[in-house]
């Protein structure tokens, strides 16, 4: 019996496909199996959409950072604040590079039948870029709050915001991934 002729039992189909070496997974929305080329195309489109969102934010932030050096207040910064500024600009430039890299890679590798490698590498660059973006935001906030808030309060506030980023951007998704893996194991065991 061919895979497409089996009864509509997604869990049974998935088990049968895995056992036979077929790497297709369920299509988004439960519309039958998703072929490997469909999955890589979907994942690439998702990366492009994520890139559009993050690029805008990092470019605006980076532009703001570049303009700070040309303000009258910049000359009044202490050595530590100038060090934070330089670190922030370097982190912002690095985040911009990592988050725009998938677009450049796509241009260079288009038509080379390397989409699997491209998707994997672009995903890693996006994760790296998100870490760099979080650090850029944290340093920007530190620079601004050290200028506005007296004492150690600036560092405490920045620490709280960075903890929030860590929870929202990394801990929550990893927790959801673990929950999904437990559900999947429970379905496979049943």
Protein backbone atom coordinates (compact mmCIF):
# COMPACT_ATOMS: atom_id res chain seq x y z
CA UNK A 1 0.00 0.00 0.00
CA UNK A 2 1.43 3.41 -0.97
CA UNK A 3 1.89 6.11 1.67
CA UNK A 4 -0.82 8.30 0.16
CA UNK A 5 -3.33 5.43 0.26
CA UNK A 6 -3.06 4.83 4.01
CA UNK A 7 -5.95 5.79 6.28
CA UNK A 8 -5.98 9.32 7.71
CA UNK A 9 -4.16 8.50 10.94
CA UNK A 10 -1.42 11.16 11.31
CA UNK A 11 0.33 9.43 14.22
CA UNK A 12 0.31 6.09 12.43
CA UNK A 13 1.51 7.64 9.18
CA UNK A 14 4.30 9.44 10.94
CA UNK A 15 5.47 6.23 12.64
CA UNK A 16 5.28 4.32 9.36
CA UNK A 17 7.21 7.03 7.51
CA UNK A 18 9.93 7.11 10.16
CA UNK A 19 10.25 3.35 10.12
CA UNK A 20 10.53 3.30 6.31
CA UNK A 21 13.10 6.11 6.26
CA UNK A 22 10.71 8.65 4.74
CA UNK A 23 11.63 12.02 6.28
CA UNK A 24 8.37 13.78 5.46
CA UNK A 25 6.58 15.31 8.41
CA UNK A 26 3.06 16.56 8.78
CA UNK A 27 2.37 19.68 6.77
CA UNK A 28 1.47 22.83 8.69
CA UNK A 29 -2.27 22.88 9.27
CA UNK A 30 -2.51 19.08 9.12
CA UNK A 31 -2.86 18.91 5.32
CA UNK A 32 -1.08 15.60 4.76
CA UNK A 33 2.64 14.94 4.74
CA UNK A 34 5.14 17.67 3.95
CA UNK A 35 7.88 16.63 1.53
CA UNK A 36 11.49 17.52 2.31
CA UNK A 37 11.66 20.18 -0.43
CA UNK A 38 8.38 21.71 0.81
CA UNK A 39 9.70 21.80 4.37
CA UNK A 40 12.98 23.48 3.40
CA UNK A 41 11.10 26.03 1.27
CA UNK A 42 8.70 26.76 4.16
CA UNK A 43 11.59 27.11 6.61
CA UNK A 44 13.42 29.44 4.21
CA UNK A 45 10.32 31.63 3.84
CA UNK A 46 9.98 31.75 7.63
CA UNK A 47 13.62 32.84 7.96
CA UNK A 48 13.08 35.58 5.38
CA UNK A 49 10.06 36.88 7.28
CA UNK A 50 11.96 36.82 10.59
CA UNK A 51 14.87 38.61 8.90
CA UNK A 52 12.56 41.38 7.68
CA UNK A 53 11.32 42.00 11.21
CA UNK A 54 14.70 41.95 12.94
CA UNK A 55 16.58 43.87 10.26
CA UNK A 56 14.33 46.88 10.63
CA UNK A 57 14.75 47.02 14.38
CA UNK A 58 18.51 46.53 14.38
CA UNK A 59 19.03 49.08 11.61
CA UNK A 60 17.00 51.75 13.43
CA UNK A 61 18.86 51.06 16.67
CA UNK A 62 22.23 51.08 14.91
CA UNK A 63 21.41 54.37 13.16
CA UNK A 64 20.49 55.90 16.51
CA UNK A 65 23.77 54.69 18.01
CA UNK A 66 25.80 56.19 15.20
CA UNK A 67 24.14 59.58 15.64
CA UNK A 68 24.92 59.73 19.39
CA UNK A 69 28.62 60.41 18.80
CA UNK A 70 27.73 63.65 17.01
CA UNK A 71 25.72 65.18 19.86
CA UNK A 72 27.02 67.86 22.21
CA UNK A 73 26.43 65.59 25.26
CA UNK A 74 28.78 62.93 23.89
CA UNK A 75 31.84 65.04 24.75
CA UNK A 76 30.75 65.00 28.41
CA UNK A 77 30.75 61.20 28.71
CA UNK A 78 33.16 59.60 31.14
CA UNK A 79 35.70 57.02 29.96
CA UNK A 80 33.48 54.13 31.17
CA UNK A 81 30.48 55.48 29.29
CA UNK A 82 32.58 55.92 26.15
CA UNK A 83 33.70 52.30 26.52
CA UNK A 84 30.06 51.20 26.86
CA UNK A 85 29.25 53.25 23.76
CA UNK A 86 32.03 51.69 21.69
CA UNK A 87 30.99 48.21 22.84
CA UNK A 88 27.38 48.98 21.98
CA UNK A 89 28.23 50.21 18.48
CA UNK A 90 30.40 47.15 17.79
CA UNK A 91 27.63 44.84 19.05
CA UNK A 92 25.08 46.70 16.92
CA UNK A 93 27.26 46.41 13.82
CA UNK A 94 27.80 42.71 14.52
CA UNK A 95 24.07 42.13 15.01
CA UNK A 96 23.35 43.96 11.75
CA UNK A 97 25.88 41.78 9.93
CA UNK A 98 24.51 38.53 11.33
CA UNK A 99 20.86 39.43 10.71
CA UNK A 100 21.43 40.60 7.14
CA UNK A 101 23.81 37.74 6.24
CA UNK A 102 21.02 35.31 5.18
CA UNK A 103 20.00 37.72 2.41
CA UNK A 104 23.57 37.98 1.12
CA UNK A 105 24.03 34.22 1.35
CA UNK A 106 20.86 33.69 -0.63
CA UNK A 107 22.09 36.02 -3.38
CA UNK A 108 25.45 34.22 -3.62
CA UNK A 109 24.05 30.70 -3.39
CA UNK A 110 20.79 31.02 -5.32
CA UNK A 111 20.45 28.22 -7.86
CA UNK A 112 23.26 26.14 -6.33
CA UNK A 113 20.88 23.52 -4.86
CA UNK A 114 22.15 24.28 -1.36
CA UNK A 115 18.89 25.37 0.27
CA UNK A 116 19.20 22.82 3.12
CA UNK A 117 22.64 24.18 4.03
CA UNK A 118 21.44 27.74 3.52
CA UNK A 119 18.46 27.28 5.84
CA UNK A 120 20.59 25.66 8.55
CA UNK A 121 23.31 28.31 8.39
CA UNK A 122 20.82 31.19 8.14
CA UNK A 123 18.99 29.86 11.20
CA UNK A 124 22.23 29.82 13.17
CA UNK A 125 23.11 33.33 12.02
CA UNK A 126 19.66 34.53 13.07
CA UNK A 127 20.12 33.04 16.55
CA UNK A 128 23.56 34.65 16.81
CA UNK A 129 22.14 37.95 15.57
CA UNK A 130 19.35 37.81 18.15
CA UNK A 131 21.89 37.32 20.96
CA UNK A 132 23.93 40.25 19.62
CA UNK A 133 20.76 42.33 19.28
CA UNK A 134 19.77 41.59 22.89
CA UNK A 135 23.26 42.62 24.05
CA UNK A 136 23.08 45.78 21.91
CA UNK A 137 19.74 46.71 23.44
CA UNK A 138 21.08 46.00 26.93
CA UNK A 139 24.18 48.14 26.39
CA UNK A 140 22.12 50.95 24.82
CA UNK A 141 19.81 50.89 27.81
CA UNK A 142 22.79 50.89 30.17
CA UNK A 143 24.32 53.87 28.42
CA UNK A 144 21.08 55.85 28.54
CA UNK A 145 20.17 54.91 32.12
CA UNK A 146 23.67 55.68 33.44
CA UNK A 147 23.18 59.17 32.04
CA UNK A 148 19.68 59.58 33.55
CA UNK A 149 19.45 57.46 36.74
CA UNK A 150 21.81 57.98 39.68
CA UNK A 151 23.88 55.22 41.28
CA UNK A 152 23.59 51.49 40.80
CA UNK A 153 19.92 51.65 39.83
CA UNK A 154 20.83 51.79 36.12
CA UNK A 155 22.70 48.48 36.31
CA UNK A 156 19.87 46.86 38.30
CA UNK A 157 17.25 48.00 35.78
CA UNK A 158 19.35 46.80 32.84
CA UNK A 159 19.90 43.45 34.58
CA UNK A 160 16.13 43.09 35.00
CA UNK A 161 15.47 43.94 31.35
CA UNK A 162 18.15 41.50 30.17
CA UNK A 163 16.64 38.80 32.37
CA UNK A 164 13.27 39.55 30.76
CA UNK A 165 14.81 39.22 27.28
CA UNK A 166 16.39 35.93 28.30
CA UNK A 167 13.08 34.60 29.55
CA UNK A 168 11.05 35.78 26.53
CA UNK A 169 13.55 35.03 23.78
CA UNK A 170 15.24 31.85 25.04
CA UNK A 171 13.78 30.21 28.15
CA UNK A 172 10.14 30.31 27.01
CA UNK A 173 10.82 28.88 23.51
CA UNK A 174 13.06 26.15 24.95
CA UNK A 175 10.36 25.28 27.49
CA UNK A 176 7.76 25.06 24.74
CA UNK A 177 10.10 22.86 22.68
CA UNK A 178 10.58 20.50 25.63
CA UNK A 179 6.82 20.35 26.23
CA UNK A 180 6.22 19.49 22.56
CA UNK A 181 8.91 16.79 22.69
CA UNK A 182 7.28 15.26 25.80
CA UNK A 183 3.87 15.27 24.06
CA UNK A 184 5.39 13.68 20.97
CA UNK A 185 7.06 10.94 23.06
CA UNK A 186 3.78 10.34 24.91
CA UNK A 187 1.92 9.96 21.59
CA UNK A 188 4.61 7.61 20.26
CA UNK A 189 4.43 5.51 23.44
CA UNK A 190 0.63 5.30 23.28
